[in-house]
Amino acid sequence: MGLLDLEKHFAFYGSYHSNPINIVVHIFFVWPILFTALLFFYFTPPIFSPPQTLLNVIPSFLIFNFGFFFAIFYALFYVALDIKAGSFVALLTLLCWVSSSFLANSIGFDLAWKVHMYE
């Protein structure tokens, strides 16, 4: 199966996810899983810092770390599969990154892990 062959990806998905309840569960629960992964990735060290001129524009809670690169890769992968649907997925992915970064910055490392442990 080609990495960017959307038709084959959907055929593969359809063959394993033909149950309507399963499809709905995937649509609604992939995003919380992605959000949680990005929340934990927030606590990885920064890979690079933006130029000083951008530091005044970018909110301080946005850190360009593994979570950022994971979100960008995920977003670009879906854009490469299909421009229209992929652009929507990219927007949702970047919104997940920004919101999970904000939450992680607000609650801190210890509370983020405590909340995860008791779900």
PDB file of N, CA and C in Angstrom:
ATOM      1  N   MET A   1       0.853  -1.173   0.000  1.00  0.00           N
ATOM      2  CA  MET A   1       0.000   0.000   0.000  1.00  0.00           C
ATOM      3  C   MET A   1       0.894   1.230   0.000  1.00  0.00           C
ATOM      4  N   GLY A   2       0.670   2.135  -0.951  1.00  0.00           N
ATOM      5  CA  GLY A   2       1.437   3.360  -1.035  1.00  0.00           C
ATOM      6  C   GLY A   2       1.115   4.281   0.127  1.00  0.00           C
ATOM      7  N   LEU A   3       2.120   4.943   0.642  1.00  0.00           N
ATOM      8  CA  LEU A   3       1.947   5.803   1.805  1.00  0.00           C
ATOM      9  C   LEU A   3       0.955   6.924   1.546  1.00  0.00           C
ATOM     10  N   LEU A   4       0.936   7.469   0.333  1.00  0.00           N
ATOM     11  CA  LEU A   4       0.054   8.591   0.026  1.00  0.00           C
ATOM     12  C   LEU A   4      -1.102   8.206  -0.905  1.00  0.00           C
ATOM     13  N   ASP A   5      -1.438   6.944  -0.970  1.00  0.00           N
ATOM     14  CA  ASP A   5      -2.528   6.483  -1.818  1.00  0.00           C
ATOM     15  C   ASP A   5      -3.824   6.497  -1.006  1.00  0.00           C
ATOM     16  N   LEU A   6      -4.569   7.599  -1.125  1.00  0.00           N
ATOM     17  CA  LEU A   6      -5.770   7.796  -0.329  1.00  0.00           C
ATOM     18  C   LEU A   6      -6.805   6.708  -0.574  1.00  0.00           C
ATOM     19  N   GLU A   7      -6.990   6.305  -1.811  1.00  0.00           N
ATOM     20  CA  GLU A   7      -7.986   5.287  -2.139  1.00  0.00           C
ATOM     21  C   GLU A   7      -7.678   3.969  -1.423  1.00  0.00           C
ATOM     22  N   LYS A   8      -6.425   3.569  -1.429  1.00  0.00           N
ATOM     23  CA  LYS A   8      -6.052   2.322  -0.748  1.00  0.00           C
ATOM     24  C   LYS A   8      -6.193   2.450   0.764  1.00  0.00           C
ATOM     25  N   HIS A   9      -5.863   3.633   1.313  1.00  0.00           N
ATOM     26  CA  HIS A   9      -6.027   3.842   2.754  1.00  0.00           C
ATOM     27  C   HIS A   9      -7.499   3.710   3.149  1.00  0.00           C
ATOM     28  N   PHE A  10      -8.388   4.323   2.365  1.00  0.00           N
ATOM     29  CA  PHE A  10      -9.809   4.229   2.673  1.00  0.00           C
ATOM     30  C   PHE A  10     -10.340   2.816   2.478  1.00  0.00           C
ATOM     31  N   ALA A  11      -9.860   2.117   1.478  1.00  0.00           N
ATOM     32  CA  ALA A  11     -10.283   0.728   1.266  1.00  0.00           C
ATOM     33  C   ALA A  11      -9.846  -0.144   2.441  1.00  0.00           C
ATOM     34  N   PHE A  12      -8.614   0.050   2.886  1.00  0.00           N
ATOM     35  CA  PHE A  12      -8.106  -0.691   4.044  1.00  0.00           C
ATOM     36  C   PHE A  12      -8.921  -0.356   5.281  1.00  0.00           C
ATOM     37  N   TYR A  13      -9.166   0.945   5.496  1.00  0.00           N
ATOM     38  CA  TYR A  13      -9.960   1.384   6.645  1.00  0.00           C
ATOM     39  C   TYR A  13     -11.363   0.784   6.573  1.00  0.00           C
ATOM     40  N   GLY A  14     -11.972   0.855   5.389  1.00  0.00           N
ATOM     41  CA  GLY A  14     -13.327   0.344   5.219  1.00  0.00           C
ATOM     42  C   GLY A  14     -13.439  -1.153   5.461  1.00  0.00           C
ATOM     43  N   SER A  15     -12.406  -1.886   5.096  1.00  0.00           N
ATOM     44  CA  SER A  15     -12.460  -3.337   5.278  1.00  0.00           C
ATOM     45  C   SER A  15     -12.408  -3.728   6.757  1.00  0.00           C
ATOM     46  N   TYR A  16     -11.805  -2.896   7.577  1.00  0.00           N
ATOM     47  CA  TYR A  16     -11.691  -3.201   9.005  1.00  0.00           C
ATOM     48  C   TYR A  16     -12.667  -2.405   9.863  1.00  0.00           C
ATOM     49  N   HIS A  17     -13.268  -1.378   9.306  1.00  0.00           N
ATOM     50  CA  HIS A  17     -14.139  -0.511  10.093  1.00  0.00           C
ATOM     51  C   HIS A  17     -15.483  -0.309   9.398  1.00  0.00           C
ATOM     52  N   SER A  18     -16.145  -1.377   9.045  1.00  0.00           N
ATOM     53  CA  SER A  18     -17.410  -1.261   8.338  1.00  0.00           C
ATOM     54  C   SER A  18     -18.600  -1.113   9.280  1.00  0.00           C
ATOM     55  N   ASN A  19     -18.423  -1.360  10.550  1.00  0.00           N
ATOM     56  CA  ASN A  19     -19.486  -1.208  11.527  1.00  0.00           C
ATOM     57  C   ASN A  19     -19.729   0.272  11.788  1.00  0.00           C
ATOM     58  N   PRO A  20     -20.964   0.775  11.615  1.00  0.00           N
ATOM     59  CA  PRO A  20     -21.243   2.210  11.797  1.00  0.00           C
ATOM     60  C   PRO A  20     -20.883   2.732  13.189  1.00  0.00           C
ATOM     61  N   ILE A  21     -21.076   1.937  14.210  1.00  0.00           N
ATOM     62  CA  ILE A  21     -20.728   2.371  15.565  1.00  0.00           C
ATOM     63  C   ILE A  21     -19.217   2.534  15.687  1.00  0.00           C
ATOM     64  N   ASN A  22     -18.479   1.615  15.092  1.00  0.00           N
ATOM     65  CA  ASN A  22     -17.020   1.696  15.106  1.00  0.00           C
ATOM     66  C   ASN A  22     -16.538   2.960  14.395  1.00  0.00           C
ATOM     67  N   ILE A  23     -17.167   3.312  13.292  1.00  0.00           N
ATOM     68  CA  ILE A  23     -16.785   4.511  12.542  1.00  0.00           C
ATOM     69  C   ILE A  23     -17.018   5.756  13.384  1.00  0.00           C
ATOM     70  N   VAL A  24     -18.172   5.840  14.030  1.00  0.00           N
ATOM     71  CA  VAL A  24     -18.484   7.001  14.880  1.00  0.00           C
ATOM     72  C   VAL A  24     -17.508   7.095  16.041  1.00  0.00           C
ATOM     73  N   VAL A  25     -17.196   5.963  16.642  1.00  0.00           N
ATOM     74  CA  VAL A  25     -16.237   5.958  17.750  1.00  0.00           C
ATOM     75  C   VAL A  25     -14.887   6.493  17.282  1.00  0.00           C
ATOM     76  N   HIS A  26     -14.438   6.088  16.100  1.00  0.00           N
ATOM     77  CA  HIS A  26     -13.163   6.572  15.573  1.00  0.00           C
ATOM     78  C   HIS A  26     -13.211   8.071  15.288  1.00  0.00           C
ATOM     79  N   ILE A  27     -14.306   8.544  14.715  1.00  0.00           N
ATOM     80  CA  ILE A  27     -14.415   9.969  14.386  1.00  0.00           C
ATOM     81  C   ILE A  27     -14.339  10.825  15.646  1.00  0.00           C
ATOM     82  N   PHE A  28     -15.020  10.394  16.707  1.00  0.00           N
ATOM     83  CA  PHE A  28     -15.083  11.223  17.911  1.00  0.00           C
ATOM     84  C   PHE A  28     -13.939  11.006  18.889  1.00  0.00           C
ATOM     85  N   PHE A  29     -13.258   9.867  18.847  1.00  0.00           N
ATOM     86  CA  PHE A  29     -12.254   9.598  19.866  1.00  0.00           C
ATOM     87  C   PHE A  29     -10.810   9.665  19.396  1.00  0.00           C
ATOM     88  N   VAL A  30     -10.581   9.806  18.106  1.00  0.00           N
ATOM     89  CA  VAL A  30      -9.207  10.007  17.638  1.00  0.00           C
ATOM     90  C   VAL A  30      -8.683  11.354  18.132  1.00  0.00           C
ATOM     91  N   TRP A  31      -9.544  12.374  18.110  1.00  0.00           N
ATOM     92  CA  TRP A  31      -9.090  13.715  18.495  1.00  0.00           C
ATOM     93  C   TRP A  31      -8.727  13.819  19.967  1.00  0.00           C
ATOM     94  N   PRO A  32      -9.497  13.252  20.893  1.00  0.00           N
ATOM     95  CA  PRO A  32      -9.041  13.280  22.287  1.00  0.00           C
ATOM     96  C   PRO A  32      -7.737  12.505  22.512  1.00  0.00           C
ATOM     97  N   ILE A  33      -7.561  11.417  21.767  1.00  0.00           N
ATOM     98  CA  ILE A  33      -6.309  10.662  21.889  1.00  0.00           C
ATOM     99  C   ILE A  33      -5.139  11.508  21.382  1.00  0.00           C
ATOM    100  N   LEU A  34      -5.318  12.157  20.232  1.00  0.00           N
ATOM    101  CA  LEU A  34      -4.275  13.044  19.703  1.00  0.00           C
ATOM    102  C   LEU A  34      -3.997  14.180  20.679  1.00  0.00           C
ATOM    103  N   PHE A  35      -5.054  14.781  21.220  1.00  0.00           N
ATOM    104  CA  PHE A  35      -4.914  15.872  22.188  1.00  0.00           C
ATOM    105  C   PHE A  35      -4.081  15.421  23.387  1.00  0.00           C
ATOM    106  N   THR A  36      -4.396  14.243  23.913  1.00  0.00           N
ATOM    107  CA  THR A  36      -3.673  13.720  25.083  1.00  0.00           C
ATOM    108  C   THR A  36      -2.219  13.442  24.748  1.00  0.00           C
ATOM    109  N   ALA A  37      -1.958  12.864  23.582  1.00  0.00           N
ATOM    110  CA  ALA A  37      -0.567  12.616  23.178  1.00  0.00           C
ATOM    111  C   ALA A  37       0.198  13.922  23.078  1.00  0.00           C
ATOM    112  N   LEU A  38      -0.414  14.939  22.469  1.00  0.00           N
ATOM    113  CA  LEU A  38       0.249  16.237  22.342  1.00  0.00           C
ATOM    114  C   LEU A  38       0.443  16.894  23.704  1.00  0.00           C
ATOM    115  N   LEU A  39      -0.489  16.654  24.629  1.00  0.00           N
ATOM    116  CA  LEU A  39      -0.343  17.175  25.992  1.00  0.00           C
ATOM    117  C   LEU A  39       0.912  16.608  26.635  1.00  0.00           C
ATOM    118  N   PHE A  40       1.134  15.313  26.491  1.00  0.00           N
ATOM    119  CA  PHE A  40       2.324  14.701  27.076  1.00  0.00           C
ATOM    120  C   PHE A  40       3.597  15.098  26.323  1.00  0.00           C
ATOM    121  N   PHE A  41       3.511  15.238  25.002  1.00  0.00           N
ATOM    122  CA  PHE A  41       4.668  15.668  24.220  1.00  0.00           C
ATOM    123  C   PHE A  41       5.081  17.099  24.554  1.00  0.00           C
ATOM    124  N   TYR A  42       4.182  17.877  25.140  1.00  0.00           N
ATOM    125  CA  TYR A  42       4.508  19.258  25.514  1.00  0.00           C
ATOM    126  C   TYR A  42       5.713  19.298  26.448  1.00  0.00           C
ATOM    127  N   PHE A  43       5.878  18.267  27.246  1.00  0.00           N
ATOM    128  CA  PHE A  43       6.930  18.254  28.254  1.00  0.00           C
ATOM    129  C   PHE A  43       8.262  17.722  27.728  1.00  0.00           C
ATOM    130  N   THR A  44       8.374  17.550  26.419  1.00  0.00           N
ATOM    131  CA  THR A  44       9.663  17.209  25.821  1.00  0.00           C
ATOM    132  C   THR A  44      10.455  18.500  25.626  1.00  0.00           C
ATOM    133  N   PRO A  45      11.771  18.417  25.607  1.00  0.00           N
ATOM    134  CA  PRO A  45      12.570  19.642  25.478  1.00  0.00           C
ATOM    135  C   PRO A  45      12.405  20.297  24.105  1.00  0.00           C
ATOM    136  N   PRO A  46      12.550  21.618  24.047  1.00  0.00           N
ATOM    137  CA  PRO A  46      12.445  22.311  22.754  1.00  0.00           C
ATOM    138  C   PRO A  46      13.521  21.838  21.788  1.00  0.00           C
ATOM    139  N   ILE A  47      13.151  21.729  20.527  1.00  0.00           N
ATOM    140  CA  ILE A  47      14.100  21.340  19.491  1.00  0.00           C
ATOM    141  C   ILE A  47      14.759  22.579  18.904  1.00  0.00           C
ATOM    142  N   PHE A  48      14.003  23.652  18.801  1.00  0.00           N
ATOM    143  CA  PHE A  48      14.576  24.917  18.343  1.00  0.00           C
ATOM    144  C   PHE A  48      13.778  26.068  18.940  1.00  0.00           C
ATOM    145  N   SER A  49      14.389  27.226  18.974  1.00  0.00           N
ATOM    146  CA  SER A  49      13.719  28.442  19.429  1.00  0.00           C
ATOM    147  C   SER A  49      13.501  29.347  18.227  1.00  0.00           C
ATOM    148  N   PRO A  50      12.338  30.004  18.169  1.00  0.00           N
ATOM    149  CA  PRO A  50      12.103  30.918  17.042  1.00  0.00           C
ATOM    150  C   PRO A  50      13.015  32.125  17.136  1.00  0.00           C
ATOM    151  N   PRO A  51      13.210  32.841  16.037  1.00  0.00           N
ATOM    152  CA  PRO A  51      14.032  34.051  16.072  1.00  0.00           C
ATOM    153  C   PRO A  51      13.472  35.059  17.083  1.00  0.00           C
ATOM    154  N   GLN A  52      14.331  35.870  17.607  1.00  0.00           N
ATOM    155  CA  GLN A  52      13.960  36.839  18.641  1.00  0.00           C
ATOM    156  C   GLN A  52      12.799  37.736  18.198  1.00  0.00           C
ATOM    157  N   THR A  53      12.748  38.073  16.931  1.00  0.00           N
ATOM    158  CA  THR A  53      11.675  38.951  16.431  1.00  0.00           C
ATOM    159  C   THR A  53      10.301  38.274  16.526  1.00  0.00           C
ATOM    160  N   LEU A  54      10.248  36.953  16.462  1.00  0.00           N
ATOM    161  CA  LEU A  54       8.973  36.244  16.559  1.00  0.00           C
ATOM    162  C   LEU A  54       8.559  35.954  17.994  1.00  0.00           C
ATOM    163  N   LEU A  55       9.490  36.045  18.931  1.00  0.00           N
ATOM    164  CA  LEU A  55       9.166  35.730  20.319  1.00  0.00           C
ATOM    165  C   LEU A  55       8.110  36.672  20.892  1.00  0.00           C
ATOM    166  N   ASN A  56       8.037  37.903  20.384  1.00  0.00           N
ATOM    167  CA  ASN A  56       7.026  38.847  20.865  1.00  0.00           C
ATOM    168  C   ASN A  56       5.653  38.541  20.287  1.00  0.00           C
ATOM    169  N   VAL A  57       5.586  37.809  19.189  1.00  0.00           N
ATOM    170  CA  VAL A  57       4.329  37.518  18.506  1.00  0.00           C
ATOM    171  C   VAL A  57       3.758  36.173  18.944  1.00  0.00           C
ATOM    172  N   ILE A  58       4.619  35.185  19.165  1.00  0.00           N
ATOM    173  CA  ILE A  58       4.195  33.825  19.500  1.00  0.00           C
ATOM    174  C   ILE A  58       3.908  33.744  21.004  1.00  0.00           C
ATOM    175  N   PRO A  59       2.743  33.206  21.382  1.00  0.00           N
ATOM    176  CA  PRO A  59       2.461  33.045  22.808  1.00  0.00           C
ATOM    177  C   PRO A  59       3.536  32.209  23.499  1.00  0.00           C
ATOM    178  N   SER A  60       3.824  32.547  24.733  1.00  0.00           N
ATOM    179  CA  SER A  60       4.934  31.895  25.443  1.00  0.00           C
ATOM    180  C   SER A  60       4.692  30.413  25.706  1.00  0.00           C
ATOM    181  N   PHE A  61       3.440  29.965  25.693  1.00  0.00           N
ATOM    182  CA  PHE A  61       3.171  28.547  25.968  1.00  0.00           C
ATOM    183  C   PHE A  61       3.421  27.650  24.767  1.00  0.00           C
ATOM    184  N   LEU A  62       3.623  28.223  23.593  1.00  0.00           N
ATOM    185  CA  LEU A  62       3.900  27.406  22.410  1.00  0.00           C
ATOM    186  C   LEU A  62       5.393  27.115  22.339  1.00  0.00           C
ATOM    187  N   ILE A  63       5.723  25.854  22.477  1.00  0.00           N
ATOM    188  CA  ILE A  63       7.122  25.407  22.461  1.00  0.00           C
ATOM    189  C   ILE A  63       7.314  24.515  21.242  1.00  0.00           C
ATOM    190  N   PHE A  64       8.358  24.757  20.500  1.00  0.00           N
ATOM    191  CA  PHE A  64       8.631  23.986  19.284  1.00  0.00           C
ATOM    192  C   PHE A  64       9.455  22.749  19.642  1.00  0.00           C
ATOM    193  N   ASN A  65       8.744  21.755  20.136  1.00  0.00           N
ATOM    194  CA  ASN A  65       9.353  20.527  20.622  1.00  0.00           C
ATOM    195  C   ASN A  65       8.833  19.340  19.810  1.00  0.00           C
ATOM    196  N   PHE A  66       8.962  18.144  20.356  1.00  0.00           N
ATOM    197  CA  PHE A  66       8.524  16.948  19.642  1.00  0.00           C
ATOM    198  C   PHE A  66       7.029  16.999  19.325  1.00  0.00           C
ATOM    199  N   GLY A  67       6.222  17.536  20.236  1.00  0.00           N
ATOM    200  CA  GLY A  67       4.790  17.648  19.997  1.00  0.00           C
ATOM    201  C   GLY A  67       4.481  18.490  18.771  1.00  0.00           C
ATOM    202  N   PHE A  68       5.196  19.587  18.603  1.00  0.00           N
ATOM    203  CA  PHE A  68       5.010  20.451  17.438  1.00  0.00           C
ATOM    204  C   PHE A  68       5.336  19.693  16.156  1.00  0.00           C
ATOM    205  N   PHE A  69       6.486  19.022  16.131  1.00  0.00           N
ATOM    206  CA  PHE A  69       6.884  18.293  14.923  1.00  0.00           C
ATOM    207  C   PHE A  69       5.966  17.111  14.646  1.00  0.00           C
ATOM    208  N   PHE A  70       5.469  16.462  15.686  1.00  0.00           N
ATOM    209  CA  PHE A  70       4.498  15.384  15.500  1.00  0.00           C
ATOM    210  C   PHE A  70       3.220  15.938  14.878  1.00  0.00           C
ATOM    211  N   ALA A  71       2.730  17.065  15.379  1.00  0.00           N
ATOM    212  CA  ALA A  71       1.514  17.683  14.842  1.00  0.00           C
ATOM    213  C   ALA A  71       1.718  18.115  13.392  1.00  0.00           C
ATOM    214  N   ILE A  72       2.863  18.707  13.094  1.00  0.00           N
ATOM    215  CA  ILE A  72       3.139  19.147  11.719  1.00  0.00           C
ATOM    216  C   ILE A  72       3.216  17.944  10.779  1.00  0.00           C
ATOM    217  N   PHE A  73       3.896  16.894  11.190  1.00  0.00           N
ATOM    218  CA  PHE A  73       3.992  15.695  10.358  1.00  0.00           C
ATOM    219  C   PHE A  73       2.617  15.101  10.109  1.00  0.00           C
ATOM    220  N   TYR A  74       1.818  14.968  11.160  1.00  0.00           N
ATOM    221  CA  TYR A  74       0.466  14.416  11.058  1.00  0.00           C
ATOM    222  C   TYR A  74      -0.382  15.268  10.115  1.00  0.00           C
ATOM    223  N   ALA A  75      -0.310  16.582  10.281  1.00  0.00           N
ATOM    224  CA  ALA A  75      -1.084  17.504   9.448  1.00  0.00           C
ATOM    225  C   ALA A  75      -0.658  17.419   7.979  1.00  0.00           C
ATOM    226  N   LEU A  76       0.634  17.456   7.731  1.00  0.00           N
ATOM    227  CA  LEU A  76       1.127  17.421   6.352  1.00  0.00           C
ATOM    228  C   LEU A  76       0.856  16.085   5.674  1.00  0.00           C
ATOM    229  N   PHE A  77       0.883  15.014   6.437  1.00  0.00           N
ATOM    230  CA  PHE A  77       0.572  13.698   5.881  1.00  0.00           C
ATOM    231  C   PHE A  77      -0.849  13.688   5.318  1.00  0.00           C
ATOM    232  N   TYR A  78      -1.792  14.220   6.082  1.00  0.00           N
ATOM    233  CA  TYR A  78      -3.176  14.227   5.616  1.00  0.00           C
ATOM    234  C   TYR A  78      -3.409  15.235   4.497  1.00  0.00           C
ATOM    235  N   VAL A  79      -2.697  16.344   4.493  1.00  0.00           N
ATOM    236  CA  VAL A  79      -2.794  17.289   3.373  1.00  0.00           C
ATOM    237  C   VAL A  79      -2.265  16.631   2.104  1.00  0.00           C
ATOM    238  N   ALA A  80      -1.200  15.843   2.232  1.00  0.00           N
ATOM    239  CA  ALA A  80      -0.640  15.150   1.067  1.00  0.00           C
ATOM    240  C   ALA A  80      -1.611  14.101   0.531  1.00  0.00           C
ATOM    241  N   LEU A  81      -2.410  13.499   1.417  1.00  0.00           N
ATOM    242  CA  LEU A  81      -3.388  12.510   0.968  1.00  0.00           C
ATOM    243  C   LEU A  81      -4.522  13.158   0.180  1.00  0.00           C
ATOM    244  N   ASP A  82      -5.023  14.275   0.699  1.00  0.00           N
ATOM    245  CA  ASP A  82      -6.140  14.956   0.052  1.00  0.00           C
ATOM    246  C   ASP A  82      -6.132  16.412   0.511  1.00  0.00           C
ATOM    247  N   ILE A  83      -6.121  17.334  -0.434  1.00  0.00           N
ATOM    248  CA  ILE A  83      -5.994  18.758  -0.098  1.00  0.00           C
ATOM    249  C   ILE A  83      -7.170  19.245   0.738  1.00  0.00           C
ATOM    250  N   LYS A  84      -8.403  18.970   0.323  1.00  0.00           N
ATOM    251  CA  LYS A  84      -9.570  19.503   1.036  1.00  0.00           C
ATOM    252  C   LYS A  84      -9.743  18.877   2.414  1.00  0.00           C
ATOM    253  N   ALA A  85      -9.908  17.579   2.465  1.00  0.00           N
ATOM    254  CA  ALA A  85     -10.106  16.904   3.753  1.00  0.00           C
ATOM    255  C   ALA A  85      -8.849  17.010   4.607  1.00  0.00           C
ATOM    256  N   GLY A  86      -7.693  16.903   3.970  1.00  0.00           N
ATOM    257  CA  GLY A  86      -6.432  16.996   4.697  1.00  0.00           C
ATOM    258  C   GLY A  86      -6.205  18.362   5.308  1.00  0.00           C
ATOM    259  N   SER A  87      -6.661  19.402   4.634  1.00  0.00           N
ATOM    260  CA  SER A  87      -6.533  20.749   5.190  1.00  0.00           C
ATOM    261  C   SER A  87      -7.393  20.900   6.437  1.00  0.00           C
ATOM    262  N   PHE A  88      -8.563  20.298   6.411  1.00  0.00           N
ATOM    263  CA  PHE A  88      -9.426  20.325   7.596  1.00  0.00           C
ATOM    264  C   PHE A  88      -8.772  19.566   8.749  1.00  0.00           C
ATOM    265  N   VAL A  89      -8.223  18.392   8.450  1.00  0.00           N
ATOM    266  CA  VAL A  89      -7.522  17.608   9.473  1.00  0.00           C
ATOM    267  C   VAL A  89      -6.311  18.386   9.987  1.00  0.00           C
ATOM    268  N   ALA A  90      -5.590  19.055   9.100  1.00  0.00           N
ATOM    269  CA  ALA A  90      -4.427  19.847   9.516  1.00  0.00           C
ATOM    270  C   ALA A  90      -4.848  20.961  10.466  1.00  0.00           C
ATOM    271  N   LEU A  91      -5.950  21.628  10.153  1.00  0.00           N
ATOM    272  CA  LEU A  91      -6.453  22.681  11.027  1.00  0.00           C
ATOM    273  C   LEU A  91      -6.822  22.122  12.400  1.00  0.00           C
ATOM    274  N   LEU A  92      -7.539  20.997  12.417  1.00  0.00           N
ATOM    275  CA  LEU A  92      -7.893  20.372  13.692  1.00  0.00           C
ATOM    276  C   LEU A  92      -6.653  19.930  14.464  1.00  0.00           C
ATOM    277  N   THR A  93      -5.669  19.411  13.763  1.00  0.00           N
ATOM    278  CA  THR A  93      -4.430  18.967  14.408  1.00  0.00           C
ATOM    279  C   THR A  93      -3.693  20.142  15.045  1.00  0.00           C
ATOM    280  N   LEU A  94      -3.586  21.238  14.319  1.00  0.00           N
ATOM    281  CA  LEU A  94      -2.890  22.403  14.876  1.00  0.00           C
ATOM    282  C   LEU A  94      -3.680  23.024  16.013  1.00  0.00           C
ATOM    283  N   LEU A  95      -5.008  22.985  15.942  1.00  0.00           N
ATOM    284  CA  LEU A  95      -5.818  23.443  17.072  1.00  0.00           C
ATOM    285  C   LEU A  95      -5.600  22.553  18.296  1.00  0.00           C
ATOM    286  N   CYS A  96      -5.480  21.258  18.072  1.00  0.00           N
ATOM    287  CA  CYS A  96      -5.168  20.342  19.172  1.00  0.00           C
ATOM    288  C   CYS A  96      -3.812  20.670  19.782  1.00  0.00           C
ATOM    289  N   TRP A  97      -2.824  20.974  18.931  1.00  0.00           N
ATOM    290  CA  TRP A  97      -1.488  21.298  19.436  1.00  0.00           C
ATOM    291  C   TRP A  97      -1.522  22.577  20.275  1.00  0.00           C
ATOM    292  N   VAL A  98      -2.177  23.613  19.768  1.00  0.00           N
ATOM    293  CA  VAL A  98      -2.227  24.887  20.490  1.00  0.00           C
ATOM    294  C   VAL A  98      -2.992  24.716  21.803  1.00  0.00           C
ATOM    295  N   SER A  99      -4.154  24.080  21.754  1.00  0.00           N
ATOM    296  CA  SER A  99      -4.954  23.938  22.976  1.00  0.00           C
ATOM    297  C   SER A  99      -4.304  23.001  23.989  1.00  0.00           C
ATOM    298  N   SER A 100      -3.679  21.922  23.530  1.00  0.00           N
ATOM    299  CA  SER A 100      -2.994  21.024  24.476  1.00  0.00           C
ATOM    300  C   SER A 100      -1.762  21.706  25.069  1.00  0.00           C
ATOM    301  N   SER A 101      -1.094  22.535  24.288  1.00  0.00           N
ATOM    302  CA  SER A 101       0.049  23.292  24.814  1.00  0.00           C
ATOM    303  C   SER A 101      -0.403  24.279  25.878  1.00  0.00           C
ATOM    304  N   PHE A 102      -1.519  24.950  25.611  1.00  0.00           N
ATOM    305  CA  PHE A 102      -2.044  25.898  26.588  1.00  0.00           C
ATOM    306  C   PHE A 102      -2.418  25.184  27.887  1.00  0.00           C
ATOM    307  N   LEU A 103      -3.125  24.062  27.767  1.00  0.00           N
ATOM    308  CA  LEU A 103      -3.524  23.314  28.957  1.00  0.00           C
ATOM    309  C   LEU A 103      -2.315  22.774  29.709  1.00  0.00           C
ATOM    310  N   ALA A 104      -1.374  22.185  28.998  1.00  0.00           N
ATOM    311  CA  ALA A 104      -0.182  21.634  29.645  1.00  0.00           C
ATOM    312  C   ALA A 104       0.596  22.723  30.364  1.00  0.00           C
ATOM    313  N   ASN A 105       0.725  23.879  29.747  1.00  0.00           N
ATOM    314  CA  ASN A 105       1.417  24.994  30.384  1.00  0.00           C
ATOM    315  C   ASN A 105       0.663  25.461  31.621  1.00  0.00           C
ATOM    316  N   SER A 106      -0.655  25.421  31.571  1.00  0.00           N
ATOM    317  CA  SER A 106      -1.482  25.895  32.688  1.00  0.00           C
ATOM    318  C   SER A 106      -1.455  24.941  33.878  1.00  0.00           C
ATOM    319  N   ILE A 107      -1.538  23.646  33.628  1.00  0.00           N
ATOM    320  CA  ILE A 107      -1.641  22.701  34.744  1.00  0.00           C
ATOM    321  C   ILE A 107      -0.306  22.130  35.181  1.00  0.00           C
ATOM    322  N   GLY A 108       0.699  22.167  34.331  1.00  0.00           N
ATOM    323  CA  GLY A 108       2.024  21.673  34.703  1.00  0.00           C
ATOM    324  C   GLY A 108       2.174  20.169  34.565  1.00  0.00           C
ATOM    325  N   PHE A 109       3.407  19.729  34.666  1.00  0.00           N
ATOM    326  CA  PHE A 109       3.770  18.330  34.449  1.00  0.00           C
ATOM    327  C   PHE A 109       3.111  17.398  35.458  1.00  0.00           C
ATOM    328  N   ASP A 110       3.230  17.712  36.732  1.00  0.00           N
ATOM    329  CA  ASP A 110       2.725  16.806  37.768  1.00  0.00           C
ATOM    330  C   ASP A 110       1.226  16.577  37.652  1.00  0.00           C
ATOM    331  N   LEU A 111       0.467  17.642  37.481  1.00  0.00           N
ATOM    332  CA  LEU A 111      -0.981  17.491  37.381  1.00  0.00           C
ATOM    333  C   LEU A 111      -1.383  16.806  36.077  1.00  0.00           C
ATOM    334  N   ALA A 112      -0.678  17.059  34.989  1.00  0.00           N
ATOM    335  CA  ALA A 112      -0.994  16.398  33.722  1.00  0.00           C
ATOM    336  C   ALA A 112      -0.879  14.888  33.870  1.00  0.00           C
ATOM    337  N   TRP A 113       0.144  14.417  34.539  1.00  0.00           N
ATOM    338  CA  TRP A 113       0.305  12.983  34.724  1.00  0.00           C
ATOM    339  C   TRP A 113      -0.674  12.430  35.740  1.00  0.00           C
ATOM    340  N   LYS A 114      -1.018  13.201  36.777  1.00  0.00           N
ATOM    341  CA  LYS A 114      -2.002  12.732  37.761  1.00  0.00           C
ATOM    342  C   LYS A 114      -3.367  12.566  37.107  1.00  0.00           C
ATOM    343  N   VAL A 115      -3.775  13.514  36.286  1.00  0.00           N
ATOM    344  CA  VAL A 115      -5.065  13.422  35.602  1.00  0.00           C
ATOM    345  C   VAL A 115      -5.083  12.193  34.713  1.00  0.00           C
ATOM    346  N   HIS A 116      -3.997  11.924  34.020  1.00  0.00           N
ATOM    347  CA  HIS A 116      -3.926  10.758  33.129  1.00  0.00           C
ATOM    348  C   HIS A 116      -4.017   9.465  33.945  1.00  0.00           C
ATOM    349  N   MET A 117      -3.358   9.421  35.068  1.00  0.00           N
ATOM    350  CA  MET A 117      -3.300   8.184  35.858  1.00  0.00           C
ATOM    351  C   MET A 117      -4.662   7.794  36.432  1.00  0.00           C
ATOM    352  N   TYR A 118      -5.531   8.762  36.665  1.00  0.00           N
ATOM    353  CA  TYR A 118      -6.805   8.469  37.319  1.00  0.00           C
ATOM    354  C   TYR A 118      -8.013   8.550  36.395  1.00  0.00           C
ATOM    355  N   GLU A 119      -7.798   8.549  35.102  1.00  0.00           N
ATOM    356  CA  GLU A 119      -8.937   8.580  34.176  1.00  0.00           C
ATOM    357  C   GLU A 119      -9.672   7.264  34.177  1.00  0.00           C
TER     358      GLU A 119
END
